[in-house]
C-alpha atoms as a PDB file:
ATOM      1  CA  UNK A   1     167.881  68.807  10.608  1.00  0.00           C
ATOM      2  CA  UNK A   2     170.503  67.146   8.903  1.00  0.00           C
ATOM      3  CA  UNK A   3     169.789  65.352   5.610  1.00  0.00           C
ATOM      4  CA  UNK A   4     172.981  62.930   5.492  1.00  0.00           C
ATOM      5  CA  UNK A   5     171.689  62.123   9.624  1.00  0.00           C
ATOM      6  CA  UNK A   6     169.074  61.168   8.591  1.00  0.00           C
ATOM      7  CA  UNK A   7     170.034  58.694   5.408  1.00  0.00           C
ATOM      8  CA  UNK A   8     172.546  57.411   7.769  1.00  0.00           C
ATOM      9  CA  UNK A   9     169.300  56.804   9.988  1.00  0.00           C
ATOM     10  CA  UNK A  10     168.153  54.909   7.199  1.00  0.00           C
ATOM     11  CA  UNK A  11     170.877  53.069   6.092  1.00  0.00           C
ATOM     12  CA  UNK A  12     171.939  52.090   9.590  1.00  0.00           C
ATOM     13  CA  UNK A  13     167.853  50.939  10.112  1.00  0.00           C
ATOM     14  CA  UNK A  14     167.645  49.539   6.246  1.00  0.00           C
ATOM     15  CA  UNK A  15     170.579  46.775   7.605  1.00  0.00           C
ATOM     16  CA  UNK A  16     169.428  45.805  11.193  1.00  0.00           C
ATOM     17  CA  UNK A  17     166.147  45.911   9.909  1.00  0.00           C
ATOM     18  CA  UNK A  18     167.281  43.552   6.973  1.00  0.00           C
ATOM     19  CA  UNK A  19     169.308  41.462   9.970  1.00  0.00           C
ATOM     20  CA  UNK A  20     166.804  41.113  12.977  1.00  0.00           C
ATOM     21  CA  UNK A  21     163.824  41.455  11.624  1.00  0.00           C
ATOM     22  CA  UNK A  22     161.044  44.406  13.086  1.00  0.00           C
ATOM     23  CA  UNK A  23     159.594  43.070  15.950  1.00  0.00           C
ATOM     24  CA  UNK A  24     163.738  41.859  17.192  1.00  0.00           C
ATOM     25  CA  UNK A  25     165.156  45.217  16.162  1.00  0.00           C
ATOM     26  CA  UNK A  26     165.483  47.719  18.579  1.00  0.00           C
ATOM     27  CA  UNK A  27     165.961  51.183  18.140  1.00  0.00           C
ATOM     28  CA  UNK A  28     169.305  51.434  20.116  1.00  0.00           C
ATOM     29  CA  UNK A  29     170.637  48.420  17.983  1.00  0.00           C
ATOM     30  CA  UNK A  30     169.536  50.945  15.224  1.00  0.00           C
ATOM     31  CA  UNK A  31     171.250  54.270  16.480  1.00  0.00           C
ATOM     32  CA  UNK A  32     174.648  51.964  17.432  1.00  0.00           C
ATOM     33  CA  UNK A  33     174.235  50.709  13.257  1.00  0.00           C
ATOM     34  CA  UNK A  34     173.713  54.552  12.260  1.00  0.00           C
ATOM     35  CA  UNK A  35     176.037  55.779  14.609  1.00  0.00           C
ATOM     36  CA  UNK A  36     173.824  58.385  15.619  1.00  0.00           C
ATOM     37  CA  UNK A  37     171.737  58.985  19.337  1.00  0.00           C
ATOM     38  CA  UNK A  38     168.418  57.511  20.132  1.00  0.00           C
ATOM     39  CA  UNK A  39     167.666  61.146  21.160  1.00  0.00           C
ATOM     40  CA  UNK A  40     169.071  62.390  16.894  1.00  0.00           C
ATOM     41  CA  UNK A  41     166.811  59.186  15.866  1.00  0.00           C
ATOM     42  CA  UNK A  42     163.527  60.527  17.197  1.00  0.00           C
ATOM     43  CA  UNK A  43     164.689  63.936  16.282  1.00  0.00           C
ATOM     44  CA  UNK A  44     163.243  62.276  12.417  1.00  0.00           C
ATOM     45  CA  UNK A  45     161.357  59.693  12.779  1.00  0.00           C
ATOM     46  CA  UNK A  46     158.483  60.231  15.253  1.00  0.00           C
ATOM     47  CA  UNK A  47     158.430  56.116  16.526  1.00  0.00           C
ATOM     48  CA  UNK A  48     160.214  52.606  15.323  1.00  0.00           C
ATOM     49  CA  UNK A  49     156.832  52.192  12.638  1.00  0.00           C
ATOM     50  CA  UNK A  50     157.703  55.948  10.997  1.00  0.00           C
ATOM     51  CA  UNK A  51     161.125  54.184  11.212  1.00  0.00           C
ATOM     52  CA  UNK A  52     160.034  51.216   9.178  1.00  0.00           C
ATOM     53  CA  UNK A  53     157.411  52.640   7.028  1.00  0.00           C
ATOM     54  CA  UNK A  54     160.191  55.198   5.904  1.00  0.00           C
ATOM     55  CA  UNK A  55     162.700  52.768   5.612  1.00  0.00           C
ATOM     56  CA  UNK A  56     160.952  50.013   3.362  1.00  0.00           C
ATOM     57  CA  UNK A  57     159.346  53.211   1.007  1.00  0.00           C
ATOM     58  CA  UNK A  58     163.015  54.799   0.395  1.00  0.00           C
ATOM     59  CA  UNK A  59     164.058  50.468   0.124  1.00  0.00           C
ATOM     60  CA  UNK A  60     161.321  49.596  -2.237  1.00  0.00           C
ATOM     61  CA  UNK A  61     161.575  52.683  -4.364  1.00  0.00           C
ATOM     62  CA  UNK A  62     164.989  52.229  -5.352  1.00  0.00           C
ATOM     63  CA  UNK A  63     164.845  48.220  -6.182  1.00  0.00           C
ATOM     64  CA  UNK A  64     161.083  49.701  -8.121  1.00  0.00           C
ATOM     65  CA  UNK A  65     163.267  52.022  -9.694  1.00  0.00           C
ATOM     66  CA  UNK A  66     165.788  49.332 -11.485  1.00  0.00           C
ATOM     67  CA  UNK A  67     163.171  46.627 -11.819  1.00  0.00           C
ATOM     68  CA  UNK A  68     161.229  49.252 -13.911  1.00  0.00           C
ATOM     69  CA  UNK A  69     164.684  49.892 -15.825  1.00  0.00           C
ATOM     70  CA  UNK A  70     164.826  45.950 -17.179  1.00  0.00           C
ATOM     71  CA  UNK A  71     161.133  46.032 -17.846  1.00  0.00           C
ATOM     72  CA  UNK A  72     161.853  49.281 -20.135  1.00  0.00           C
ATOM     73  CA  UNK A  73     164.985  47.415 -21.619  1.00  0.00           C
ATOM     74  CA  UNK A  74     163.505  44.560 -22.557  1.00  0.00           C
ATOM     75  CA  UNK A  75     160.684  45.404 -23.473  1.00  0.00           C
ATOM     76  CA  UNK A  76     161.631  47.877 -25.883  1.00  0.00           C
ATOM     77  CA  UNK A  77     161.471  45.837 -28.741  1.00  0.00           C
ATOM     78  CA  UNK A  78     159.760  42.314 -28.019  1.00  0.00           C
ATOM     79  CA  UNK A  79     160.014  40.270 -31.899  1.00  0.00           C
ATOM     80  CA  UNK A  80     160.079  36.889 -30.482  1.00  0.00           C
ATOM     81  CA  UNK A  81     158.114  36.277 -27.315  1.00  0.00           C
ATOM     82  CA  UNK A  82     159.224  33.515 -25.583  1.00  0.00           C
ATOM     83  CA  UNK A  83     163.156  33.844 -25.970  1.00  0.00           C
ATOM     84  CA  UNK A  84     162.768  37.740 -25.628  1.00  0.00           C
ATOM     85  CA  UNK A  85     161.173  36.618 -22.381  1.00  0.00           C
ATOM     86  CA  UNK A  86     163.005  34.655 -21.509  1.00  0.00           C
ATOM     87  CA  UNK A  87     165.754  36.832 -21.435  1.00  0.00           C
ATOM     88  CA  UNK A  88     163.789  39.347 -19.251  1.00  0.00           C
ATOM     89  CA  UNK A  89     163.131  37.144 -17.030  1.00  0.00           C
ATOM     90  CA  UNK A  90     167.342  35.734 -16.431  1.00  0.00           C
ATOM     91  CA  UNK A  91     168.234  39.769 -16.187  1.00  0.00           C
ATOM     92  CA  UNK A  92     165.463  39.938 -13.884  1.00  0.00           C
ATOM     93  CA  UNK A  93     165.910  36.845 -11.301  1.00  0.00           C
ATOM     94  CA  UNK A  94     170.342  38.030 -11.859  1.00  0.00           C
ATOM     95  CA  UNK A  95     169.786  41.660 -10.330  1.00  0.00           C
ATOM     96  CA  UNK A  96     171.664  41.745  -7.290  1.00  0.00           C
ATOM     97  CA  UNK A  97     171.463  44.947  -6.731  1.00  0.00           C
ATOM     98  CA  UNK A  98     169.638  45.042  -3.913  1.00  0.00           C
ATOM     99  CA  UNK A  99     170.553  42.392  -1.881  1.00  0.00           C
ATOM    100  CA  UNK A 100     169.323  44.426   1.663  1.00  0.00           C
ATOM    101  CA  UNK A 101     166.061  45.098   0.918  1.00  0.00           C
ATOM    102  CA  UNK A 102     164.965  41.377  -1.125  1.00  0.00           C
ATOM    103  CA  UNK A 103     166.675  40.304   2.975  1.00  0.00           C
ATOM    104  CA  UNK A 104     164.659  42.923   4.441  1.00  0.00           C
ATOM    105  CA  UNK A 105     161.329  41.067   1.768  1.00  0.00           C
ATOM    106  CA  UNK A 106     161.925  38.091   3.543  1.00  0.00           C
ATOM    107  CA  UNK A 107     162.149  39.769   7.129  1.00  0.00           C
ATOM    108  CA  UNK A 108     158.200  41.231   6.457  1.00  0.00           C
ATOM    109  CA  UNK A 109     157.046  38.004   5.220  1.00  0.00           C
ATOM    110  CA  UNK A 110     157.900  35.808   7.718  1.00  0.00           C
ATOM    111  CA  UNK A 111     156.564  39.091  10.020  1.00  0.00           C
ATOM    112  CA  UNK A 112     153.678  39.814   8.152  1.00  0.00           C
ATOM    113  CA  UNK A 113     150.733  39.876  11.571  1.00  0.00           C
ATOM    114  CA  UNK A 114     153.418  41.776  13.891  1.00  0.00           C
ATOM    115  CA  UNK A 115     154.269  44.679  11.502  1.00  0.00           C
ATOM    116  CA  UNK A 116     151.944  48.044  10.981  1.00  0.00           C
ATOM    117  CA  UNK A 117     149.215  47.181   8.252  1.00  0.00           C
ATOM    118  CA  UNK A 118     150.017  51.143   6.871  1.00  0.00           C
ATOM    119  CA  UNK A 119     154.104  50.193   6.660  1.00  0.00           C
ATOM    120  CA  UNK A 120     153.244  47.195   4.801  1.00  0.00           C
ATOM    121  CA  UNK A 121     150.319  49.151   1.979  1.00  0.00           C
ATOM    122  CA  UNK A 122     153.253  51.769   2.397  1.00  0.00           C
ATOM    123  CA  UNK A 123     156.057  48.729   0.460  1.00  0.00           C
ATOM    124  CA  UNK A 124     152.781  47.527  -1.491  1.00  0.00           C
ATOM    125  CA  UNK A 125     152.199  50.878  -3.084  1.00  0.00           C
ATOM    126  CA  UNK A 126     155.670  52.335  -3.175  1.00  0.00           C
ATOM    127  CA  UNK A 127     157.398  48.973  -4.836  1.00  0.00           C
ATOM    128  CA  UNK A 128     156.039  45.356  -5.908  1.00  0.00           C
ATOM    129  CA  UNK A 129     152.027  47.587  -6.749  1.00  0.00           C
ATOM    130  CA  UNK A 130     154.665  50.088  -9.304  1.00  0.00           C
ATOM    131  CA  UNK A 131     157.064  46.735 -10.637  1.00  0.00           C
ATOM    132  CA  UNK A 132     153.568  45.219 -11.730  1.00  0.00           C
ATOM    133  CA  UNK A 133     152.307  47.753 -13.216  1.00  0.00           C
ATOM    134  CA  UNK A 134     154.817  48.410 -15.509  1.00  0.00           C
ATOM    135  CA  UNK A 135     155.361  44.860 -16.152  1.00  0.00           C
ATOM    136  CA  UNK A 136     151.300  45.172 -17.737  1.00  0.00           C
ATOM    137  CA  UNK A 137     151.581  48.166 -19.383  1.00  0.00           C
ATOM    138  CA  UNK A 138     154.039  46.234 -21.257  1.00  0.00           C
ATOM    139  CA  UNK A 139     151.928  43.405 -21.638  1.00  0.00           C
ATOM    140  CA  UNK A 140     149.101  45.159 -22.479  1.00  0.00           C
ATOM    141  CA  UNK A 141     151.064  46.862 -25.259  1.00  0.00           C
ATOM    142  CA  UNK A 142     151.534  42.364 -26.736  1.00  0.00           C
ATOM    143  CA  UNK A 143     147.802  41.947 -26.509  1.00  0.00           C
ATOM    144  CA  UNK A 144     146.739  40.536 -23.535  1.00  0.00           C
ATOM    145  CA  UNK A 145     144.042  40.456 -22.679  1.00  0.00           C
ATOM    146  CA  UNK A 146     144.277  40.317 -19.214  1.00  0.00           C
ATOM    147  CA  UNK A 147     148.169  42.291 -18.813  1.00  0.00           C
ATOM    148  CA  UNK A 148     147.670  42.966 -14.835  1.00  0.00           C
ATOM    149  CA  UNK A 149     147.020  39.225 -14.189  1.00  0.00           C
ATOM    150  CA  UNK A 150     149.364  38.218 -16.634  1.00  0.00           C
ATOM    151  CA  UNK A 151     151.757  40.013 -14.442  1.00  0.00           C
ATOM    152  CA  UNK A 152     152.133  38.872 -11.835  1.00  0.00           C
ATOM    153  CA  UNK A 153     151.890  35.021 -13.443  1.00  0.00           C
ATOM    154  CA  UNK A 154     154.698  36.493 -15.884  1.00  0.00           C
ATOM    155  CA  UNK A 155     157.106  37.151 -12.265  1.00  0.00           C
ATOM    156  CA  UNK A 156     155.666  34.689 -10.053  1.00  0.00           C
ATOM    157  CA  UNK A 157     156.792  32.006 -12.813  1.00  0.00           C
ATOM    158  CA  UNK A 158     160.213  33.437 -13.614  1.00  0.00           C
ATOM    159  CA  UNK A 159     161.364  34.876 -10.314  1.00  0.00           C
ATOM    160  CA  UNK A 160     161.379  32.351  -7.799  1.00  0.00           C
ATOM    161  CA  UNK A 161     163.052  29.539  -6.891  1.00  0.00           C
ATOM    162  CA  UNK A 162     162.512  26.893  -4.665  1.00  0.00           C
ATOM    163  CA  UNK A 163     159.747  27.086  -2.994  1.00  0.00           C
ATOM    164  CA  UNK A 164     160.003  25.159   0.088  1.00  0.00           C
ATOM    165  CA  UNK A 165     163.746  27.539   0.368  1.00  0.00           C
ATOM    166  CA  UNK A 166     163.134  31.042   1.214  1.00  0.00           C
ATOM    167  CA  UNK A 167     164.819  33.876  -1.168  1.00  0.00           C
ATOM    168  CA  UNK A 168     166.035  31.387  -3.376  1.00  0.00           C
ATOM    169  CA  UNK A 169     166.425  32.406  -7.399  1.00  0.00           C
ATOM    170  CA  UNK A 170     165.654  30.200  -9.945  1.00  0.00           C
ATOM    171  CA  UNK A 171     168.354  28.218 -13.185  1.00  0.00           C
ATOM    172  CA  UNK A 172     168.342  29.358 -16.410  1.00  0.00           C
ATOM    173  CA  UNK A 173     166.241  26.570 -17.075  1.00  0.00           C
ATOM    174  CA  UNK A 174     163.306  27.190 -14.200  1.00  0.00           C
ATOM    175  CA  UNK A 175     162.903  30.758 -16.180  1.00  0.00           C
ATOM    176  CA  UNK A 176     162.497  29.084 -19.681  1.00  0.00           C
ATOM    177  CA  UNK A 177     160.150  26.254 -17.899  1.00  0.00           C
ATOM    178  CA  UNK A 178     158.350  29.204 -16.366  1.00  0.00           C
ATOM    179  CA  UNK A 179     158.011  31.725 -19.277  1.00  0.00           C
ATOM    180  CA  UNK A 180     156.563  28.317 -21.597  1.00  0.00           C
ATOM    181  CA  UNK A 181     154.049  27.440 -18.554  1.00  0.00           C
ATOM    182  CA  UNK A 182     153.041  31.387 -18.419  1.00  0.00           C
ATOM    183  CA  UNK A 183     152.683  31.866 -22.861  1.00  0.00           C
ATOM    184  CA  UNK A 184     150.087  28.338 -22.892  1.00  0.00           C
ATOM    185  CA  UNK A 185     148.778  29.809 -19.940  1.00  0.00           C
ATOM    186  CA  UNK A 186     147.675  33.000 -21.472  1.00  0.00           C
ATOM    187  CA  UNK A 187     146.685  31.224 -24.053  1.00  0.00           C
ATOM    188  CA  UNK A 188     149.133  32.945 -26.124  1.00  0.00           C
ATOM    189  CA  UNK A 189     149.169  30.208 -29.534  1.00  0.00           C
ATOM    190  CA  UNK A 190     145.811  30.853 -30.093  1.00  0.00           C
ATOM    191  CA  UNK A 191     145.189  34.120 -29.947  1.00  0.00           C
ATOM    192  CA  UNK A 192     147.974  33.646 -32.152  1.00  0.00           C
ATOM    193  CA  UNK A 193     146.242  31.158 -35.007  1.00  0.00           C
ATOM    194  CA  UNK A 194     142.943  33.295 -34.539  1.00  0.00           C
ATOM    195  CA  UNK A 195     144.659  36.102 -35.650  1.00  0.00           C
ATOM    196  CA  UNK A 196     146.251  34.906 -38.626  1.00  0.00           C
END
């Protein structure tokens, strides 16, 4: 089995799943997009569920690597918490290298009950949980009392645009406001005062 064929299948499947969703995507459409036969596809993957799990893991792993690199870059030296977290939020929101992956994530959210649970778990473990853990580690170093919860809050407050419109990104003002709400909600000022 040639690795280039497998990669072509994964790329083609990512395009089809992100466009059509899990339920509507067909093996024939994926094979056509990947420019392979269905037989070749089945030589690499047991069925559509197996293919989807592999696609979402590979895609989530790539996106997570890039997001963790942003976390490491922006938390390397934090001197002004509000200013630096706002800059971090803007960088995360501006990261557009994985548009197809995030289109796939929107499809997953729309079809959650129709996707095999193992695929959802694999995606969560490979992507979102890994990113949240990396962010929580950095927030823990900054003295946040519940860094795992703080990481989720920071991401929700700075990476989500208009919640009524799926897939929208926040603007700079939304991110700055989200950081202020985050810092207030986690009593950062009170903890600073208590420490002095």
